[in-house]
């Protein structure tokens, strides 16, 4: 089932999500299935449970190609529950981000360049991966949702925040019709 995605301004997006305590349940599998359907329908790179009003520490992400990020490399389809992120260095990169909860906008956001993420999949199997670049950015963006943080809160220079069709008219040539 495709769920409506909460938009910036909804107070449910500002909550700190609760840990998942029951794995491999029909309810959890159904929620994850719905989240993937919702993410795919919206051309998302990832989705956090709070974005559909579910206050749990659960994110999904991954795609082979994505029309919203045409130059992005493949990110493996992942279910990540109760995540812990650890930067692998102090190095950060600034890159443009968008969000399904902040539709039609992009901002230049600093993120750690490389990190380790740990947590569990839907079966309770431990996950530990070291990633960098776009994969690391997607994980950080989605996990921010679990702490009530939307990407505009991380933008250092608000002159680097605006409507996608204004910032990138070459990607959206017909959006003014």
C-alpha atoms as a PDB file:
ATOM      1  CA  UNK A   1       0.000   0.000   0.000  1.00  0.00           C
ATOM      2  CA  UNK A   2       1.295   3.431  -0.924  1.00  0.00           C
ATOM      3  CA  UNK A   3       1.135   5.816   2.025  1.00  0.00           C
ATOM      4  CA  UNK A   4       0.926   9.608   1.968  1.00  0.00           C
ATOM      5  CA  UNK A   5       4.288  11.176   2.789  1.00  0.00           C
ATOM      6  CA  UNK A   6       4.286  13.766   5.563  1.00  0.00           C
ATOM      7  CA  UNK A   7       5.513  17.216   4.557  1.00  0.00           C
ATOM      8  CA  UNK A   8       7.823  19.614   6.382  1.00  0.00           C
ATOM      9  CA  UNK A   9       5.775  21.444   8.987  1.00  0.00           C
ATOM     10  CA  UNK A  10       4.070  18.297  10.266  1.00  0.00           C
ATOM     11  CA  UNK A  11       5.152  17.934  13.913  1.00  0.00           C
ATOM     12  CA  UNK A  12       5.419  14.140  13.549  1.00  0.00           C
ATOM     13  CA  UNK A  13       8.562  14.698  11.452  1.00  0.00           C
ATOM     14  CA  UNK A  14      10.239  16.388  14.423  1.00  0.00           C
ATOM     15  CA  UNK A  15       9.954  13.481  16.879  1.00  0.00           C
ATOM     16  CA  UNK A  16      12.765  11.175  17.943  1.00  0.00           C
ATOM     17  CA  UNK A  17      11.685   7.721  16.768  1.00  0.00           C
ATOM     18  CA  UNK A  18      11.356   4.735  19.082  1.00  0.00           C
ATOM     19  CA  UNK A  19      13.486   1.608  18.741  1.00  0.00           C
ATOM     20  CA  UNK A  20      12.052  -1.438  17.028  1.00  0.00           C
ATOM     21  CA  UNK A  21      11.835  -4.278  19.566  1.00  0.00           C
ATOM     22  CA  UNK A  22      10.097  -7.045  17.571  1.00  0.00           C
ATOM     23  CA  UNK A  23      11.715  -8.417  14.411  1.00  0.00           C
ATOM     24  CA  UNK A  24      10.449 -10.823  11.737  1.00  0.00           C
ATOM     25  CA  UNK A  25       6.780 -10.099  12.442  1.00  0.00           C
ATOM     26  CA  UNK A  26       4.019  -9.936   9.821  1.00  0.00           C
ATOM     27  CA  UNK A  27       3.386  -6.303  10.811  1.00  0.00           C
ATOM     28  CA  UNK A  28       7.033  -5.316  10.300  1.00  0.00           C
ATOM     29  CA  UNK A  29       7.218  -7.106   6.938  1.00  0.00           C
ATOM     30  CA  UNK A  30       4.015  -5.381   5.802  1.00  0.00           C
ATOM     31  CA  UNK A  31       5.325  -1.972   6.885  1.00  0.00           C
ATOM     32  CA  UNK A  32       8.588  -2.504   4.980  1.00  0.00           C
ATOM     33  CA  UNK A  33       6.732  -3.668   1.871  1.00  0.00           C
ATOM     34  CA  UNK A  34       4.524  -0.560   2.053  1.00  0.00           C
ATOM     35  CA  UNK A  35       7.561   1.674   2.551  1.00  0.00           C
ATOM     36  CA  UNK A  36       9.290   0.297  -0.564  1.00  0.00           C
ATOM     37  CA  UNK A  37       6.087   0.737  -2.601  1.00  0.00           C
ATOM     38  CA  UNK A  38       5.740   4.301  -1.312  1.00  0.00           C
ATOM     39  CA  UNK A  39       9.400   5.160  -1.983  1.00  0.00           C
ATOM     40  CA  UNK A  40       9.308   3.729  -5.509  1.00  0.00           C
ATOM     41  CA  UNK A  41       6.035   5.483  -6.358  1.00  0.00           C
ATOM     42  CA  UNK A  42       7.597   8.799  -5.304  1.00  0.00           C
ATOM     43  CA  UNK A  43      10.934   8.155  -7.103  1.00  0.00           C
ATOM     44  CA  UNK A  44      12.717   8.314  -3.755  1.00  0.00           C
ATOM     45  CA  UNK A  45      16.249   7.213  -2.933  1.00  0.00           C
ATOM     46  CA  UNK A  46      15.166   6.289   0.588  1.00  0.00           C
ATOM     47  CA  UNK A  47      12.348   6.597   3.085  1.00  0.00           C
ATOM     48  CA  UNK A  48      12.172   6.689   6.858  1.00  0.00           C
ATOM     49  CA  UNK A  49       9.204   5.307   8.799  1.00  0.00           C
ATOM     50  CA  UNK A  50       8.494   8.724  10.398  1.00  0.00           C
ATOM     51  CA  UNK A  51       7.872  10.133   6.910  1.00  0.00           C
ATOM     52  CA  UNK A  52       4.711   8.023   6.721  1.00  0.00           C
ATOM     53  CA  UNK A  53       3.752   8.752  10.321  1.00  0.00           C
ATOM     54  CA  UNK A  54       5.236   5.594  11.886  1.00  0.00           C
ATOM     55  CA  UNK A  55       7.417   6.572  14.853  1.00  0.00           C
ATOM     56  CA  UNK A  56       9.966   3.739  14.593  1.00  0.00           C
ATOM     57  CA  UNK A  57      13.721   3.637  13.954  1.00  0.00           C
ATOM     58  CA  UNK A  58      13.365   2.088  10.518  1.00  0.00           C
ATOM     59  CA  UNK A  59      14.737   3.349   7.219  1.00  0.00           C
ATOM     60  CA  UNK A  60      14.867   1.847   3.756  1.00  0.00           C
ATOM     61  CA  UNK A  61      16.988   2.986   0.851  1.00  0.00           C
ATOM     62  CA  UNK A  62      18.494   1.821  -2.396  1.00  0.00           C
ATOM     63  CA  UNK A  63      17.991   1.879  -6.146  1.00  0.00           C
ATOM     64  CA  UNK A  64      19.606   0.907  -9.430  1.00  0.00           C
ATOM     65  CA  UNK A  65      18.810   4.262 -11.047  1.00  0.00           C
ATOM     66  CA  UNK A  66      16.733   7.172  -9.866  1.00  0.00           C
ATOM     67  CA  UNK A  67      15.198   9.941 -11.981  1.00  0.00           C
ATOM     68  CA  UNK A  68      15.581  12.447  -9.119  1.00  0.00           C
ATOM     69  CA  UNK A  69      19.343  11.666  -8.936  1.00  0.00           C
ATOM     70  CA  UNK A  70      20.256  10.711 -12.517  1.00  0.00           C
ATOM     71  CA  UNK A  71      24.030  10.764 -11.933  1.00  0.00           C
ATOM     72  CA  UNK A  72      23.969   8.822  -8.656  1.00  0.00           C
ATOM     73  CA  UNK A  73      25.654   5.416  -8.454  1.00  0.00           C
ATOM     74  CA  UNK A  74      23.737   2.270  -7.568  1.00  0.00           C
ATOM     75  CA  UNK A  75      22.924   1.950  -3.860  1.00  0.00           C
ATOM     76  CA  UNK A  76      21.964  -1.576  -2.700  1.00  0.00           C
ATOM     77  CA  UNK A  77      18.385  -2.025  -1.482  1.00  0.00           C
ATOM     78  CA  UNK A  78      18.644  -1.989   2.295  1.00  0.00           C
ATOM     79  CA  UNK A  79      16.393  -2.227   5.342  1.00  0.00           C
ATOM     80  CA  UNK A  80      18.113  -0.659   8.351  1.00  0.00           C
ATOM     81  CA  UNK A  81      16.576  -0.814  11.823  1.00  0.00           C
ATOM     82  CA  UNK A  82      17.823   0.868  15.019  1.00  0.00           C
ATOM     83  CA  UNK A  83      20.822   2.335  13.185  1.00  0.00           C
ATOM     84  CA  UNK A  84      24.070   3.639  14.640  1.00  0.00           C
ATOM     85  CA  UNK A  85      26.255   5.815  12.392  1.00  0.00           C
ATOM     86  CA  UNK A  86      29.976   6.278  13.033  1.00  0.00           C
ATOM     87  CA  UNK A  87      32.053   8.625  10.856  1.00  0.00           C
ATOM     88  CA  UNK A  88      35.265   7.084   9.554  1.00  0.00           C
ATOM     89  CA  UNK A  89      37.010  10.491   9.474  1.00  0.00           C
ATOM     90  CA  UNK A  90      36.266  14.161  10.063  1.00  0.00           C
ATOM     91  CA  UNK A  91      36.122  14.751   6.297  1.00  0.00           C
ATOM     92  CA  UNK A  92      32.839  16.129   4.966  1.00  0.00           C
ATOM     93  CA  UNK A  93      31.458  16.899   1.525  1.00  0.00           C
ATOM     94  CA  UNK A  94      28.777  19.356   0.464  1.00  0.00           C
ATOM     95  CA  UNK A  95      26.240  18.093  -2.086  1.00  0.00           C
ATOM     96  CA  UNK A  96      22.713  18.877  -3.213  1.00  0.00           C
ATOM     97  CA  UNK A  97      19.925  17.002  -1.441  1.00  0.00           C
ATOM     98  CA  UNK A  98      16.198  16.791  -1.828  1.00  0.00           C
ATOM     99  CA  UNK A  99      13.577  15.061   0.276  1.00  0.00           C
ATOM    100  CA  UNK A 100      10.159  13.556  -0.304  1.00  0.00           C
ATOM    101  CA  UNK A 101       8.991  15.514   2.769  1.00  0.00           C
ATOM    102  CA  UNK A 102      10.306  18.778   1.275  1.00  0.00           C
ATOM    103  CA  UNK A 103       9.010  18.385  -2.295  1.00  0.00           C
ATOM    104  CA  UNK A 104      10.284  20.516  -5.135  1.00  0.00           C
ATOM    105  CA  UNK A 105      13.286  21.882  -3.264  1.00  0.00           C
ATOM    106  CA  UNK A 106      17.015  21.191  -2.984  1.00  0.00           C
ATOM    107  CA  UNK A 107      19.740  22.397  -0.672  1.00  0.00           C
ATOM    108  CA  UNK A 108      23.507  22.140  -0.365  1.00  0.00           C
ATOM    109  CA  UNK A 109      24.115  19.944   2.693  1.00  0.00           C
ATOM    110  CA  UNK A 110      27.376  18.960   4.414  1.00  0.00           C
ATOM    111  CA  UNK A 111      27.678  15.265   5.326  1.00  0.00           C
ATOM    112  CA  UNK A 112      30.435  12.941   6.468  1.00  0.00           C
ATOM    113  CA  UNK A 113      32.271  11.571   3.442  1.00  0.00           C
ATOM    114  CA  UNK A 114      32.584   8.029   4.822  1.00  0.00           C
ATOM    115  CA  UNK A 115      30.946   6.178   7.678  1.00  0.00           C
ATOM    116  CA  UNK A 116      30.067   2.841   9.184  1.00  0.00           C
ATOM    117  CA  UNK A 117      26.426   2.060   9.699  1.00  0.00           C
ATOM    118  CA  UNK A 118      25.264  -0.673  11.983  1.00  0.00           C
ATOM    119  CA  UNK A 119      21.844  -1.960  12.889  1.00  0.00           C
ATOM    120  CA  UNK A 120      19.526  -4.805  11.966  1.00  0.00           C
ATOM    121  CA  UNK A 121      17.487  -5.988   9.034  1.00  0.00           C
ATOM    122  CA  UNK A 122      13.820  -6.971   9.344  1.00  0.00           C
ATOM    123  CA  UNK A 123      14.775 -10.475  10.498  1.00  0.00           C
ATOM    124  CA  UNK A 124      16.952  -9.183  13.358  1.00  0.00           C
ATOM    125  CA  UNK A 125      20.199 -10.021  11.527  1.00  0.00           C
ATOM    126  CA  UNK A 126      22.996  -7.599  12.387  1.00  0.00           C
ATOM    127  CA  UNK A 127      24.203  -5.277   9.606  1.00  0.00           C
ATOM    128  CA  UNK A 128      27.573  -3.500   9.579  1.00  0.00           C
ATOM    129  CA  UNK A 129      28.799  -1.706   6.459  1.00  0.00           C
ATOM    130  CA  UNK A 130      31.437   0.889   5.661  1.00  0.00           C
ATOM    131  CA  UNK A 131      30.334   3.218   2.866  1.00  0.00           C
ATOM    132  CA  UNK A 132      31.277   6.521   1.305  1.00  0.00           C
ATOM    133  CA  UNK A 133      30.091   9.190  -1.113  1.00  0.00           C
ATOM    134  CA  UNK A 134      26.433   9.058  -2.208  1.00  0.00           C
ATOM    135  CA  UNK A 135      25.645   5.854  -0.297  1.00  0.00           C
ATOM    136  CA  UNK A 136      26.920   7.485   2.923  1.00  0.00           C
ATOM    137  CA  UNK A 137      24.890  10.628   2.168  1.00  0.00           C
ATOM    138  CA  UNK A 138      21.652   8.688   1.653  1.00  0.00           C
ATOM    139  CA  UNK A 139      22.102   6.786   4.930  1.00  0.00           C
ATOM    140  CA  UNK A 140      22.779   9.997   6.869  1.00  0.00           C
ATOM    141  CA  UNK A 141      19.801  11.758   5.303  1.00  0.00           C
ATOM    142  CA  UNK A 142      17.390   8.925   6.112  1.00  0.00           C
ATOM    143  CA  UNK A 143      18.732   8.387   9.634  1.00  0.00           C
ATOM    144  CA  UNK A 144      18.346  12.118  10.351  1.00  0.00           C
ATOM    145  CA  UNK A 145      14.579  11.541  10.019  1.00  0.00           C
ATOM    146  CA  UNK A 146      14.780   9.198  13.017  1.00  0.00           C
ATOM    147  CA  UNK A 147      16.048  12.093  15.115  1.00  0.00           C
ATOM    148  CA  UNK A 148      13.516  14.649  13.914  1.00  0.00           C
ATOM    149  CA  UNK A 149      15.982  16.374  11.575  1.00  0.00           C
ATOM    150  CA  UNK A 150      15.099  17.477   8.036  1.00  0.00           C
ATOM    151  CA  UNK A 151      17.913  18.373   5.643  1.00  0.00           C
ATOM    152  CA  UNK A 152      17.128  22.141   5.564  1.00  0.00           C
ATOM    153  CA  UNK A 153      18.134  22.188   9.256  1.00  0.00           C
ATOM    154  CA  UNK A 154      21.668  21.162   8.176  1.00  0.00           C
ATOM    155  CA  UNK A 155      22.126  23.764   5.419  1.00  0.00           C
ATOM    156  CA  UNK A 156      24.864  26.231   6.356  1.00  0.00           C
ATOM    157  CA  UNK A 157      24.165  28.820   3.643  1.00  0.00           C
ATOM    158  CA  UNK A 158      20.491  29.412   2.868  1.00  0.00           C
ATOM    159  CA  UNK A 159      21.418  31.051  -0.456  1.00  0.00           C
ATOM    160  CA  UNK A 160      22.121  27.425  -1.452  1.00  0.00           C
ATOM    161  CA  UNK A 161      18.509  26.331  -0.840  1.00  0.00           C
ATOM    162  CA  UNK A 162      15.662  26.737  -3.272  1.00  0.00           C
ATOM    163  CA  UNK A 163      13.213  25.299  -5.721  1.00  0.00           C
ATOM    164  CA  UNK A 164      14.635  22.533  -7.880  1.00  0.00           C
ATOM    165  CA  UNK A 165      13.363  23.962 -11.173  1.00  0.00           C
ATOM    166  CA  UNK A 166      14.986  27.340 -10.392  1.00  0.00           C
ATOM    167  CA  UNK A 167      18.310  25.904  -9.191  1.00  0.00           C
ATOM    168  CA  UNK A 168      18.549  23.300 -11.972  1.00  0.00           C
ATOM    169  CA  UNK A 169      16.490  24.547 -14.961  1.00  0.00           C
ATOM    170  CA  UNK A 170      18.461  22.289 -17.321  1.00  0.00           C
ATOM    171  CA  UNK A 171      17.004  19.240 -15.530  1.00  0.00           C
ATOM    172  CA  UNK A 172      13.444  20.614 -15.445  1.00  0.00           C
ATOM    173  CA  UNK A 173      12.975  22.544 -18.712  1.00  0.00           C
ATOM    174  CA  UNK A 174       9.165  22.209 -18.816  1.00  0.00           C
ATOM    175  CA  UNK A 175       8.307  22.801 -15.158  1.00  0.00           C
ATOM    176  CA  UNK A 176       7.062  26.336 -15.882  1.00  0.00           C
ATOM    177  CA  UNK A 177       4.150  25.119 -18.004  1.00  0.00           C
END
